[in-house]
Each structure stands twice: as structure tokens, then as C-alpha cells.
Amino acid sequence: MEMLRDVLAEERDRLDALGPDDDLSGFGVNSMTFIRLVLALEMEFGVSWDDDDLQYQNFLTVNSIIRYVEESMADSA
């Protein structure tokens, strides 16, 4: 969650109200912040995704991000 706060610094105050299944597009996630979030996740968790693998629906909510990162880490193990 802290990584998400860093990526969405302008929306930091609103993120306190973010629930795990809330749509992130309502919290300032656009195409640029999406790319920053993907890069931060790749660096933090040691995963790497091909452009073809980056489906926006995998990054719609905090829970969907967690699920996608966990699946990616399991696939690379």
C-alpha cells in the first residue's frame, strides 16, 4: 500500500479511504501512473512482465494487484 501511495503522491490524502477492492482509476491511476506502478512492482518484487502480459484489469484494485504479483512470482519460481 505504501508503494501505491508513493506512486500516487498527488492523491495521498484520498488513498486513506481506499479499500482493497476499490477501483484505482477513481484515485488518480491513469496510463502514466499505471506504468510507474508496474515499474515499482517489478523492482520491489523481482518480477518482470512483457508488455503483452500487462492487462489493465490485473491492476484495477489493490487485491487484483496482489493476486497478479503472487501469480507472477509463483510462475517464475
C-alpha atoms as a PDB file:
ATOM      1  CA  MET A   1       0.000   0.000   0.000  1.00  0.00           C
ATOM      2  CA  GLU A   2       2.905   2.350   0.726  1.00  0.00           C
ATOM      3  CA  MET A   3       4.249   1.800  -2.788  1.00  0.00           C
ATOM      4  CA  LEU A   4       0.868   2.797  -4.167  1.00  0.00           C
ATOM      5  CA  ARG A   5       0.935   5.933  -2.018  1.00  0.00           C
ATOM      6  CA  ASP A   6       4.369   6.807  -3.394  1.00  0.00           C
ATOM      7  CA  VAL A   7       3.262   6.333  -6.991  1.00  0.00           C
ATOM      8  CA  LEU A   8       0.077   8.317  -6.424  1.00  0.00           C
ATOM      9  CA  ALA A   9       1.681  11.060  -4.325  1.00  0.00           C
ATOM     10  CA  GLU A  10      -0.778  13.710  -5.518  1.00  0.00           C
ATOM     11  CA  GLU A  11      -3.688  11.595  -4.273  1.00  0.00           C
ATOM     12  CA  ARG A  12      -2.072  10.596  -0.963  1.00  0.00           C
ATOM     13  CA  ASP A  13      -4.815  12.130   1.214  1.00  0.00           C
ATOM     14  CA  ARG A  14      -7.579  10.330  -0.676  1.00  0.00           C
ATOM     15  CA  LEU A  15      -5.760   6.996  -0.511  1.00  0.00           C
ATOM     16  CA  ASP A  16      -6.518   6.716   3.194  1.00  0.00           C
ATOM     17  CA  ALA A  17     -10.094   5.909   2.148  1.00  0.00           C
ATOM     18  CA  LEU A  18      -9.000   3.290  -0.410  1.00  0.00           C
ATOM     19  CA  GLY A  19     -10.412  -0.172   0.181  1.00  0.00           C
ATOM     20  CA  PRO A  20      -8.786  -3.349  -1.170  1.00  0.00           C
ATOM     21  CA  ASP A  21     -11.472  -3.764  -3.843  1.00  0.00           C
ATOM     22  CA  ASP A  22     -11.941  -0.105  -4.812  1.00  0.00           C
ATOM     23  CA  ASP A  23     -11.296   0.789  -8.447  1.00  0.00           C
ATOM     24  CA  LEU A  24      -7.964   2.629  -8.569  1.00  0.00           C
ATOM     25  CA  SER A  25      -8.995   4.769 -11.533  1.00  0.00           C
ATOM     26  CA  GLY A  26     -11.016   6.846  -9.078  1.00  0.00           C
ATOM     27  CA  PHE A  27      -7.831   7.529  -7.133  1.00  0.00           C
ATOM     28  CA  GLY A  28      -5.760   9.030  -9.915  1.00  0.00           C
ATOM     29  CA  VAL A  29      -4.452   5.952 -11.733  1.00  0.00           C
ATOM     30  CA  ASN A  30      -4.066   6.816 -15.395  1.00  0.00           C
ATOM     31  CA  SER A  31      -1.757   5.486 -18.108  1.00  0.00           C
ATOM     32  CA  MET A  32       1.309   7.275 -16.716  1.00  0.00           C
ATOM     33  CA  THR A  33       0.756   6.227 -13.110  1.00  0.00           C
ATOM     34  CA  PHE A  34      -0.033   2.704 -14.338  1.00  0.00           C
ATOM     35  CA  ILE A  35       3.447   2.489 -15.911  1.00  0.00           C
ATOM     36  CA  ARG A  36       5.080   3.897 -12.764  1.00  0.00           C
ATOM     37  CA  LEU A  37       3.187   1.386 -10.644  1.00  0.00           C
ATOM     38  CA  VAL A  38       4.209  -1.532 -12.879  1.00  0.00           C
ATOM     39  CA  LEU A  39       7.877  -0.486 -12.742  1.00  0.00           C
ATOM     40  CA  ALA A  40       7.751  -0.097  -8.958  1.00  0.00           C
ATOM     41  CA  LEU A  41       6.168  -3.546  -8.579  1.00  0.00           C
ATOM     42  CA  GLU A  42       8.761  -5.145 -10.867  1.00  0.00           C
ATOM     43  CA  MET A  43      11.595  -3.614  -8.855  1.00  0.00           C
ATOM     44  CA  GLU A  44      10.079  -4.368  -5.445  1.00  0.00           C
ATOM     45  CA  PHE A  45       9.125  -7.991  -6.100  1.00  0.00           C
ATOM     46  CA  GLY A  46      11.698  -9.025  -8.698  1.00  0.00           C
ATOM     47  CA  VAL A  47       9.132  -9.874 -11.339  1.00  0.00           C
ATOM     48  CA  SER A  48       9.215  -8.884 -14.973  1.00  0.00           C
ATOM     49  CA  TRP A  49       6.272  -8.661 -17.308  1.00  0.00           C
ATOM     50  CA  ASP A  50       6.195  -8.497 -21.090  1.00  0.00           C
ATOM     51  CA  ASP A  51       4.108  -5.672 -22.493  1.00  0.00           C
ATOM     52  CA  ASP A  52       1.611  -8.252 -23.771  1.00  0.00           C
ATOM     53  CA  ASP A  53       1.095  -9.512 -20.199  1.00  0.00           C
ATOM     54  CA  LEU A  54       0.143  -6.116 -18.800  1.00  0.00           C
ATOM     55  CA  GLN A  55      -3.625  -6.188 -18.811  1.00  0.00           C
ATOM     56  CA  TYR A  56      -5.154  -3.207 -17.017  1.00  0.00           C
ATOM     57  CA  GLN A  57      -7.759  -5.421 -15.309  1.00  0.00           C
ATOM     58  CA  ASN A  58      -4.907  -7.050 -13.353  1.00  0.00           C
ATOM     59  CA  PHE A  59      -4.216  -3.660 -11.782  1.00  0.00           C
ATOM     60  CA  LEU A  60      -7.736  -2.339 -11.122  1.00  0.00           C
ATOM     61  CA  THR A  61      -7.732  -2.843  -7.347  1.00  0.00           C
ATOM     62  CA  VAL A  62      -5.222  -3.472  -4.579  1.00  0.00           C
ATOM     63  CA  ASN A  63      -6.464  -7.061  -4.329  1.00  0.00           C
ATOM     64  CA  SER A  64      -6.120  -7.655  -8.080  1.00  0.00           C
ATOM     65  CA  ILE A  65      -2.545  -6.298  -7.955  1.00  0.00           C
ATOM     66  CA  ILE A  66      -1.656  -8.574  -5.042  1.00  0.00           C
ATOM     67  CA  ARG A  67      -3.154 -11.585  -6.822  1.00  0.00           C
ATOM     68  CA  TYR A  68      -1.303 -10.807 -10.075  1.00  0.00           C
ATOM     69  CA  VAL A  69       2.048 -10.268  -8.345  1.00  0.00           C
ATOM     70  CA  GLU A  70       1.655 -13.505  -6.355  1.00  0.00           C
ATOM     71  CA  GLU A  71       0.776 -15.452  -9.515  1.00  0.00           C
ATOM     72  CA  SER A  72       3.735 -13.936 -11.353  1.00  0.00           C
ATOM     73  CA  MET A  73       6.116 -14.781  -8.523  1.00  0.00           C
ATOM     74  CA  ALA A  74       4.823 -18.370  -8.398  1.00  0.00           C
ATOM     75  CA  ASP A  75       5.212 -18.721 -12.173  1.00  0.00           C
ATOM     76  CA  SER A  76       8.815 -17.521 -12.044  1.00  0.00           C
ATOM     77  CA  ALA A  77       9.798 -19.816  -9.142  1.00  0.00           C
END
